Amino acid sequence: MTVVVTGMGVVAPTGLGLDRYWAATLRGESGIRRIRAFDPTRYPTRHAGEVTGFEPADHLPGRLVPQTDRMTQFALAAADWALADAAVDLDAIPALDRGVVTAGASGGFGFGQRELQHLWGESPKKVSAYMSFAWFYAVNTGQISIRHGLSGPTSVYVGEQAGGLDALAHARRQVRSGTRLMLSGGTDCSLCPYGMAAQLAGGRLSPGAYRPFDDRASGHLPGEGGAMLVLESAGHARDRGRHPYGEIAGFGSTFDPRPGSGRPPNLRRAVEQALADAGTEPGEIALVLADGAGRPEADAAEAAVLTEVFGPRGVPVTVPKTGTGRLYSGAGPLDVVTALLALRDGLAPPTTYVDRVPEAYGLDLVTNRPRPLTGTAALVLARGHHGFNSALVVRSADRAVAAGAAA
């Protein structure tokens, strides 16, 4: 069965909504700036990809605003926009035949910090009753399910940066198993003192810029936001007159050996699994959206995988998240959105602020400006802290429609 994407909703540091995000991405605009959510002066990392112009009351019912952390508010808004973009009548689909699966990484850090401050600084009576669920990494699935009556398959995947691709792959499996419609993706928001302290403890944040695959790479900058996508079978989309953005064509997931084992990472195996699942040869991939960790050792390992699979400079590679920061569970879904739009418009978006790529990497990195793109398939990569590896292949809309008609 061909599983296609018929709706997409985006909340990103570079724009609210699909069109604003894509226009800013093609222009190479950056949403990374000095943190405004709190005073970052005493932290070594002071810049991040912050979403601006998002007022929860403009997008959500008033009763939901005090119940939810910012990451859930992002997820609810993106879900609303994705469903509207898909032009789907949920009432025409039985409640048990429509589901939701999201990815979570940090949970509701901001909400949790505020309520812990109430607990220790004031009184237990000052702690919100909503603290019981607002902090939870699975809460986005629950809130979206309740809001839209999605009573079918529901779950959440936790794989740090890789979790968003895992969630989309699981949604694809559910559609293939007979569920009519799945809403899937991820959003994250950990830009608060509590969240920043946790991220700094991991030792992966940059004190300056986020420059993956650059000889000045010194870590990444965090970001907030993500994307939600509507998945359904090509036949169901055709029956209701919807032309899809493209197909979720293949997926692979692996886990790295323990540190110090002397065994190599397993990203290559995830890539090979995704290509095999899609029935796609490496030469058919027109663009790779790389993970781009921004740390020399991790960048070199990813570059080695790409040259092993595609050959030196064998495929255009880009890391648009240099304009948003790494969005953790929101990163993979947003990269899938980017890949589908790149295939639709025949343009590979640029990697910004990177201009010193070591020759030893053997990468054809798209920098400075968009590059014309020909082809019908793209590969999205994501790696999560502690060894998660995920790879997902998407195909263009025309290929998806043709595959669905032949099925």
Protein backbone atom coordinates (compact mmCIF):
# COMPACT_ATOMS: atom_id res chain seq x y z
CA MET A 1 0.00 0.00 0.00
CA THR A 2 1.23 3.49 -0.88
CA VAL A 3 1.00 5.88 2.09
CA VAL A 4 0.93 9.57 1.22
CA VAL A 5 1.07 12.92 2.98
CA THR A 6 -1.96 15.10 2.29
CA GLY A 7 -1.61 17.85 4.90
CA MET A 8 1.23 19.59 6.73
CA GLY A 9 1.36 22.12 9.56
CA VAL A 10 4.54 23.91 10.65
CA VAL A 11 5.57 25.92 13.70
CA ALA A 12 9.19 26.97 13.25
CA PRO A 13 11.60 29.73 14.30
CA THR A 14 11.65 30.80 10.65
CA GLY A 15 7.89 31.05 10.25
CA LEU A 16 4.42 30.04 11.34
CA GLY A 17 2.63 27.98 8.73
CA LEU A 18 3.83 26.05 5.72
CA ASP A 19 4.19 28.89 3.21
CA ARG A 20 6.06 31.26 5.52
CA TYR A 21 8.43 28.54 6.65
CA TRP A 22 9.23 27.38 3.12
CA ALA A 23 9.77 30.90 1.75
CA ALA A 24 12.13 31.74 4.61
CA THR A 25 14.00 28.45 4.19
CA LEU A 26 14.59 29.04 0.49
CA ARG A 27 15.83 32.54 1.26
CA GLY A 28 18.28 31.11 3.78
CA GLU A 29 16.81 33.17 6.59
CA SER A 30 17.74 32.36 10.16
CA GLY A 31 15.45 32.16 13.16
CA ILE A 32 18.42 31.86 15.51
CA ARG A 33 18.91 34.84 17.78
CA ARG A 34 19.78 35.74 21.35
CA ILE A 35 17.35 33.96 23.65
CA ARG A 36 14.42 36.12 24.75
CA ALA A 37 12.40 33.60 26.80
CA PHE A 38 14.76 34.14 29.74
CA ASP A 39 17.97 36.01 30.46
CA PRO A 40 20.75 33.78 29.05
CA THR A 41 23.65 35.91 30.28
CA ARG A 42 24.99 33.37 32.78
CA TYR A 43 24.86 30.46 30.33
CA PRO A 44 27.65 29.59 27.87
CA THR A 45 25.05 29.12 25.11
CA ARG A 46 22.98 32.27 24.63
CA HIS A 47 21.43 31.79 21.19
CA ALA A 48 18.67 29.50 19.98
CA GLY A 49 15.96 29.12 17.38
CA GLU A 50 12.95 30.73 19.06
CA VAL A 51 9.46 30.82 17.56
CA THR A 52 8.23 34.41 17.41
CA GLY A 53 4.75 35.81 16.91
CA PHE A 54 2.99 32.76 18.34
CA GLU A 55 0.20 33.78 20.72
CA PRO A 56 -1.54 30.68 22.09
CA ALA A 57 -4.86 32.47 22.54
CA ASP A 58 -4.88 33.23 18.81
CA HIS A 59 -4.80 29.54 17.94
CA LEU A 60 -6.34 27.59 20.82
CA PRO A 61 -9.53 27.68 22.91
CA GLY A 62 -9.05 29.67 26.09
CA ARG A 63 -9.56 26.64 28.32
CA LEU A 64 -6.56 24.85 26.77
CA VAL A 65 -4.03 27.62 27.28
CA PRO A 66 -3.55 27.23 31.07
CA GLN A 67 -3.54 23.42 30.72
CA THR A 68 -0.65 23.19 28.30
CA ASP A 69 3.06 23.75 27.93
CA ARG A 70 4.33 25.71 24.95
CA MET A 71 5.39 22.52 23.14
CA THR A 72 1.81 21.22 23.34
CA GLN A 73 0.44 24.54 22.12
CA PHE A 74 2.75 24.21 19.12
CA ALA A 75 1.58 20.65 18.51
CA LEU A 76 -2.11 21.53 18.72
CA ALA A 77 -1.73 24.48 16.33
CA ALA A 78 0.35 22.47 13.85
CA ALA A 79 -2.21 19.63 14.00
CA ASP A 80 -5.04 22.06 13.29
CA TRP A 81 -3.17 23.49 10.32
CA ALA A 82 -2.25 20.05 8.94
CA LEU A 83 -5.85 18.85 9.06
CA ALA A 84 -7.06 22.07 7.43
CA ASP A 85 -4.38 21.71 4.76
CA ALA A 86 -5.56 18.16 4.07
CA ALA A 87 -9.16 19.41 3.77
CA VAL A 88 -10.32 16.28 5.54
CA ASP A 89 -13.80 15.86 6.98
CA LEU A 90 -13.10 13.94 10.18
CA ASP A 91 -16.81 13.35 10.72
CA ALA A 92 -16.80 11.19 7.59
CA ILE A 93 -14.23 8.85 9.17
CA PRO A 94 -15.17 6.64 12.15
CA ALA A 95 -13.41 7.80 15.33
CA LEU A 96 -11.70 4.42 15.74
CA ASP A 97 -10.39 4.66 12.18
CA ARG A 98 -8.38 7.83 12.75
CA GLY A 99 -5.37 8.03 15.06
CA VAL A 100 -2.37 10.05 16.16
CA VAL A 101 1.26 9.24 16.94
CA THR A 102 3.74 11.88 18.01
CA ALA A 103 7.35 12.02 19.13
CA GLY A 104 8.51 13.51 22.40
CA ALA A 105 11.95 14.36 23.73
CA SER A 106 12.00 16.94 26.51
CA GLY A 107 8.37 17.07 27.59
CA GLY A 108 6.87 20.21 29.08
CA PHE A 109 10.04 21.69 30.55
CA GLY A 110 8.76 25.26 30.84
CA PHE A 111 5.50 24.26 32.53
CA GLY A 112 7.37 21.91 34.84
CA GLN A 113 9.91 24.51 35.91
CA ARG A 114 7.21 27.06 36.68
CA GLU A 115 5.21 24.67 38.84
CA LEU A 116 8.29 23.40 40.68
CA GLN A 117 9.11 27.00 41.49
CA HIS A 118 5.59 27.38 42.88
CA LEU A 119 6.08 24.22 44.95
CA TRP A 120 9.41 25.14 46.50
CA GLY A 121 9.07 28.92 46.55
CA GLU A 122 5.45 29.29 47.63
CA SER A 123 3.21 26.38 48.56
CA PRO A 124 1.99 23.02 47.22
CA LYS A 125 -1.39 24.69 46.96
CA LYS A 126 0.05 26.98 44.29
CA VAL A 127 0.93 24.08 41.98
CA SER A 128 -1.42 23.76 39.01
CA ALA A 129 -3.50 20.60 38.85
CA TYR A 130 -2.53 20.43 35.18
CA MET A 131 1.07 19.70 36.24
CA SER A 132 -0.07 16.07 36.53
CA PHE A 133 0.06 15.75 32.73
CA ALA A 134 1.38 18.95 31.15
CA TRP A 135 5.02 17.96 31.73
CA PHE A 136 4.61 14.49 30.23
CA TYR A 137 6.39 13.68 26.96
CA ALA A 138 3.27 11.81 25.73
CA VAL A 139 0.84 14.64 26.42
CA ASN A 140 0.80 15.94 22.85
CA THR A 141 -0.66 12.68 21.59
CA GLY A 142 -3.35 12.82 24.26
CA GLN A 143 -4.32 16.44 23.74
CA ILE A 144 -4.49 16.10 19.94
CA SER A 145 -6.51 12.90 20.27
CA ILE A 146 -9.04 14.57 22.56
CA ARG A 147 -9.28 17.75 20.50
CA HIS A 148 -10.01 15.98 17.21
CA GLY A 149 -11.67 12.78 18.39
CA LEU A 150 -8.84 10.57 17.16
CA SER A 151 -9.79 7.36 18.97
CA GLY A 152 -7.88 4.93 16.78
CA PRO A 153 -4.23 3.94 17.18
CA THR A 154 -2.39 6.38 19.48
CA SER A 155 1.18 6.28 20.73
CA VAL A 156 4.34 8.29 21.30
CA TYR A 157 7.96 7.64 20.35
CA VAL A 158 10.93 8.84 22.38
CA GLY A 159 14.23 8.80 20.48
CA GLU A 160 15.49 12.37 20.97
CA GLN A 161 16.31 13.79 17.51
CA ALA A 162 15.42 10.51 15.77
CA GLY A 163 11.99 10.14 17.37
CA GLY A 164 10.11 12.27 14.85
CA LEU A 165 11.00 9.95 11.96
CA ASP A 166 10.11 6.94 14.10
CA ALA A 167 6.66 8.42 14.75
CA LEU A 168 6.01 9.00 11.05
CA ALA A 169 7.12 5.45 10.25
CA HIS A 170 4.74 4.04 12.85
CA ALA A 171 1.89 6.14 11.45
CA ARG A 172 2.69 4.70 8.02
CA ARG A 173 2.48 1.19 9.46
CA GLN A 174 -0.92 1.96 10.97
CA VAL A 175 -2.27 3.20 7.62
CA ARG A 176 -0.90 0.09 5.93
CA SER A 177 -2.70 -1.97 8.57
CA GLY A 178 -6.00 -0.41 7.63
CA THR A 179 -6.38 2.81 9.63
CA ARG A 180 -7.95 5.40 7.33
CA LEU A 181 -6.07 8.46 8.59
CA MET A 182 -3.13 9.13 10.90
CA LEU A 183 -1.89 12.46 12.21
CA SER A 184 1.80 12.32 13.07
CA GLY A 185 4.88 14.41 13.80
CA GLY A 186 6.52 16.13 16.71
CA THR A 187 7.19 19.44 18.40
CA ASP A 188 9.54 20.39 21.20
CA CYS A 189 10.29 23.39 23.38
CA SER A 190 12.96 23.32 26.05
CA LEU A 191 14.02 26.98 26.03
CA CYS A 192 13.87 27.73 29.72
CA PRO A 193 16.59 27.71 32.41
CA TYR A 194 15.68 24.16 33.43
CA GLY A 195 15.78 22.96 29.83
CA MET A 196 19.00 24.82 29.06
CA ALA A 197 20.74 23.34 32.10
CA ALA A 198 19.72 19.84 30.99
CA GLN A 199 21.00 20.41 27.46
CA LEU A 200 24.28 21.92 28.61
CA ALA A 201 24.87 18.88 30.81
CA GLY A 202 24.96 16.78 27.65
CA GLY A 203 28.01 18.69 26.42
CA ARG A 204 26.73 19.04 22.85
CA LEU A 205 25.69 22.71 22.69
CA SER A 206 27.78 25.28 20.89
CA PRO A 207 28.95 28.41 22.68
CA GLY A 208 28.73 30.24 19.35
CA ALA A 209 27.30 29.27 15.99
CA TYR A 210 25.74 26.06 14.65
CA ARG A 211 27.92 25.00 11.70
CA PRO A 212 27.51 21.33 10.78
CA PHE A 213 30.10 19.89 8.37
CA ASP A 214 32.26 23.00 8.82
CA ASP A 215 35.83 22.90 10.11
CA ARG A 216 34.71 25.37 12.83
CA ALA A 217 31.93 23.09 14.10
CA SER A 218 31.64 23.27 17.89
CA GLY A 219 28.24 21.81 18.69
CA HIS A 220 24.64 22.72 17.90
CA LEU A 221 22.20 25.39 18.97
CA PRO A 222 18.80 24.32 20.30
CA GLY A 223 15.49 25.34 18.77
CA GLU A 224 11.78 24.99 19.34
CA GLY A 225 8.86 23.99 17.13
CA GLY A 226 8.28 21.19 14.65
CA ALA A 227 5.64 19.87 12.28
CA MET A 228 2.56 17.65 12.07
CA LEU A 229 1.57 15.67 8.97
CA VAL A 230 -1.60 13.91 7.79
CA LEU A 231 -0.99 10.41 6.40
CA GLU A 232 -3.48 8.26 4.51
CA SER A 233 -3.48 5.70 1.74
CA ALA A 234 -3.10 6.95 -1.82
CA GLY A 235 -6.43 5.32 -2.62
CA HIS A 236 -8.24 7.14 0.17
CA ALA A 237 -6.70 10.44 -0.88
CA ARG A 238 -7.71 9.81 -4.49
CA ASP A 239 -11.26 8.91 -3.50
CA ARG A 240 -11.71 12.24 -1.77
CA GLY A 241 -10.01 14.22 -4.53
CA ARG A 242 -6.80 15.18 -2.73
CA HIS A 243 -3.47 15.44 -4.55
CA PRO A 244 -0.75 14.50 -2.04
CA TYR A 245 2.54 16.20 -1.29
CA GLY A 246 4.29 12.88 -1.69
CA GLU A 247 4.81 9.41 -0.32
CA ILE A 248 6.42 8.06 2.84
CA ALA A 249 8.24 5.39 0.86
CA GLY A 250 10.80 3.71 3.11
CA PHE A 251 12.14 3.65 6.64
CA GLY A 252 15.06 2.19 8.56
CA SER A 253 16.00 2.38 12.23
CA THR A 254 19.03 1.10 14.12
CA PHE A 255 20.83 1.55 17.42
CA ASP A 256 24.54 2.11 17.91
CA PRO A 257 26.76 -0.23 19.92
CA ARG A 258 27.68 0.89 23.40
CA PRO A 259 30.50 3.48 23.59
CA GLY A 260 33.93 1.90 23.94
CA SER A 261 32.88 -1.35 22.26
CA GLY A 262 35.12 -0.70 19.26
CA ARG A 263 32.21 -1.37 16.90
CA PRO A 264 31.16 1.24 14.30
CA PRO A 265 27.91 3.25 14.46
CA ASN A 266 24.90 1.84 12.63
CA LEU A 267 23.65 4.83 10.65
CA ARG A 268 24.66 3.20 7.37
CA ARG A 269 22.50 0.17 8.11
CA ALA A 270 19.52 2.45 8.78
CA VAL A 271 20.08 4.14 5.41
CA GLU A 272 20.32 0.80 3.62
CA GLN A 273 17.16 -0.42 5.34
CA ALA A 274 15.24 2.69 4.28
CA LEU A 275 16.40 2.41 0.66
CA ALA A 276 15.50 -1.29 0.54
CA ASP A 277 12.10 -0.66 2.13
CA ALA A 278 11.42 1.98 -0.54
CA GLY A 279 12.69 -0.22 -3.36
CA THR A 280 15.02 2.63 -4.24
CA GLU A 281 18.62 2.57 -5.46
CA PRO A 282 21.09 5.16 -4.12
CA GLY A 283 21.27 6.76 -7.57
CA GLU A 284 17.56 7.59 -7.40
CA ILE A 285 17.99 9.84 -4.36
CA ALA A 286 18.01 13.47 -5.49
CA LEU A 287 18.67 15.07 -2.11
CA VAL A 288 19.76 14.12 1.41
CA LEU A 289 18.62 16.14 4.40
CA ALA A 290 21.40 15.26 6.80
CA ASP A 291 21.25 15.05 10.57
CA GLY A 292 24.11 17.55 10.88
CA ALA A 293 25.06 17.19 14.54
CA GLY A 294 27.56 20.05 14.36
CA ARG A 295 30.29 18.17 16.24
CA PRO A 296 33.42 17.20 14.28
CA GLU A 297 33.42 13.50 15.18
CA ALA A 298 29.69 13.05 14.53
CA ASP A 299 29.82 15.08 11.31
CA ALA A 300 32.75 13.02 10.02
CA ALA A 301 30.89 9.78 10.80
CA GLU A 302 27.77 10.92 8.94
CA ALA A 303 29.82 12.17 6.00
CA ALA A 304 31.55 8.80 5.82
CA VAL A 305 28.20 7.01 5.60
CA LEU A 306 27.02 9.30 2.80
CA THR A 307 30.19 8.79 0.76
CA GLU A 308 30.05 5.02 1.33
CA VAL A 309 26.46 4.79 0.14
CA PHE A 310 26.39 7.43 -2.60
CA GLY A 311 30.06 7.90 -3.46
CA PRO A 312 32.17 11.05 -2.92
CA ARG A 313 30.08 14.10 -3.75
CA GLY A 314 27.54 11.65 -5.12
CA VAL A 315 24.36 13.41 -3.97
CA PRO A 316 23.41 16.97 -2.93
CA VAL A 317 23.27 17.27 0.87
CA THR A 318 21.68 20.03 2.91
CA VAL A 319 21.02 20.90 6.56
CA PRO A 320 18.28 23.57 6.63
CA LYS A 321 18.10 23.26 10.42
CA THR A 322 21.06 25.64 10.58
CA GLY A 323 18.33 28.29 10.36
CA THR A 324 16.16 26.84 13.12
CA GLY A 325 18.49 25.05 15.50
CA ARG A 326 18.03 21.39 16.33
CA LEU A 327 14.38 20.85 17.26
CA TYR A 328 14.79 17.39 18.81
CA SER A 329 11.50 15.49 18.30
CA GLY A 330 10.33 18.23 15.91
CA ALA A 331 13.40 18.07 13.69
CA GLY A 332 12.66 14.93 11.67
CA PRO A 333 9.06 15.85 10.79
CA LEU A 334 10.14 19.35 9.78
CA ASP A 335 12.89 17.91 7.58
CA VAL A 336 10.32 15.60 5.95
CA VAL A 337 8.15 18.64 5.20
CA THR A 338 11.21 20.34 3.72
CA ALA A 339 12.09 17.30 1.61
CA LEU A 340 8.58 17.04 0.17
CA LEU A 341 8.51 20.74 -0.71
CA ALA A 342 11.98 20.54 -2.25
CA LEU A 343 10.84 17.70 -4.52
CA ARG A 344 7.63 19.56 -5.37
CA ASP A 345 9.39 22.78 -6.36
CA GLY A 346 12.61 21.30 -7.73
CA LEU A 347 14.75 23.35 -5.33
CA ALA A 348 17.20 22.20 -2.68
CA PRO A 349 17.24 24.71 0.21
CA PRO A 350 20.63 25.93 1.41
CA THR A 351 22.65 25.19 4.52
CA THR A 352 23.40 28.59 6.04
CA TYR A 353 26.54 29.84 7.80
CA VAL A 354 28.63 26.93 6.53
CA ASP A 355 31.38 27.71 4.04
CA ARG A 356 34.43 25.73 5.16
CA VAL A 357 33.58 22.09 4.47
CA PRO A 358 36.66 19.85 4.80
CA GLU A 359 37.56 18.17 1.52
CA ALA A 360 38.02 14.94 3.44
CA TYR A 361 34.26 14.78 4.04
CA GLY A 362 33.60 14.32 0.31
CA LEU A 363 30.23 16.08 0.55
CA ASP A 364 28.33 18.07 -2.06
CA LEU A 365 26.81 20.44 0.49
CA VAL A 366 24.22 22.94 -0.78
CA THR A 367 25.21 26.33 0.68
CA ASN A 368 24.44 30.03 0.29
CA ARG A 369 21.48 29.75 -2.10
CA PRO A 370 18.89 27.23 -3.33
CA ARG A 371 20.01 24.81 -6.01
CA PRO A 372 17.86 23.41 -8.84
CA LEU A 373 16.90 19.85 -8.10
CA THR A 374 15.90 17.03 -10.42
CA GLY A 375 14.61 13.70 -9.21
CA THR A 376 11.69 12.15 -7.39
CA ALA A 377 13.09 10.87 -4.08
CA ALA A 378 14.83 12.32 -1.02
CA LEU A 379 16.42 10.82 2.08
CA VAL A 380 16.01 12.30 5.57
CA LEU A 381 18.43 11.32 8.36
CA ALA A 382 18.17 11.80 12.11
CA ARG A 383 20.31 10.66 15.01
CA GLY A 384 19.32 10.83 18.66
CA HIS A 385 21.60 11.09 21.67
CA HIS A 386 22.73 7.72 23.09
CA GLY A 387 22.65 5.91 19.75
CA PHE A 388 19.32 6.28 17.94
CA ASN A 389 19.55 6.26 14.11
CA SER A 390 16.62 6.73 11.74
CA ALA A 391 16.38 7.18 7.99
CA LEU A 392 13.28 7.88 5.92
CA VAL A 393 12.78 8.01 2.13
CA VAL A 394 10.09 10.23 0.60
CA ARG A 395 8.94 10.32 -3.01
CA SER A 396 7.41 13.17 -4.97
CA ALA A 397 3.68 13.57 -5.45
CA ASP A 398 3.65 12.40 -9.07
CA ARG A 399 5.50 9.20 -8.21
CA ALA A 400 3.20 8.68 -5.23
CA VAL A 401 0.06 9.09 -7.35
CA ALA A 402 1.40 6.73 -10.00
CA ALA A 403 2.33 4.13 -7.38
CA GLY A 404 -1.08 4.45 -5.74
CA ALA A 405 -2.89 4.01 -9.04
CA ALA A 406 -0.88 0.90 -9.82
CA ALA A 407 -1.51 -0.65 -6.39
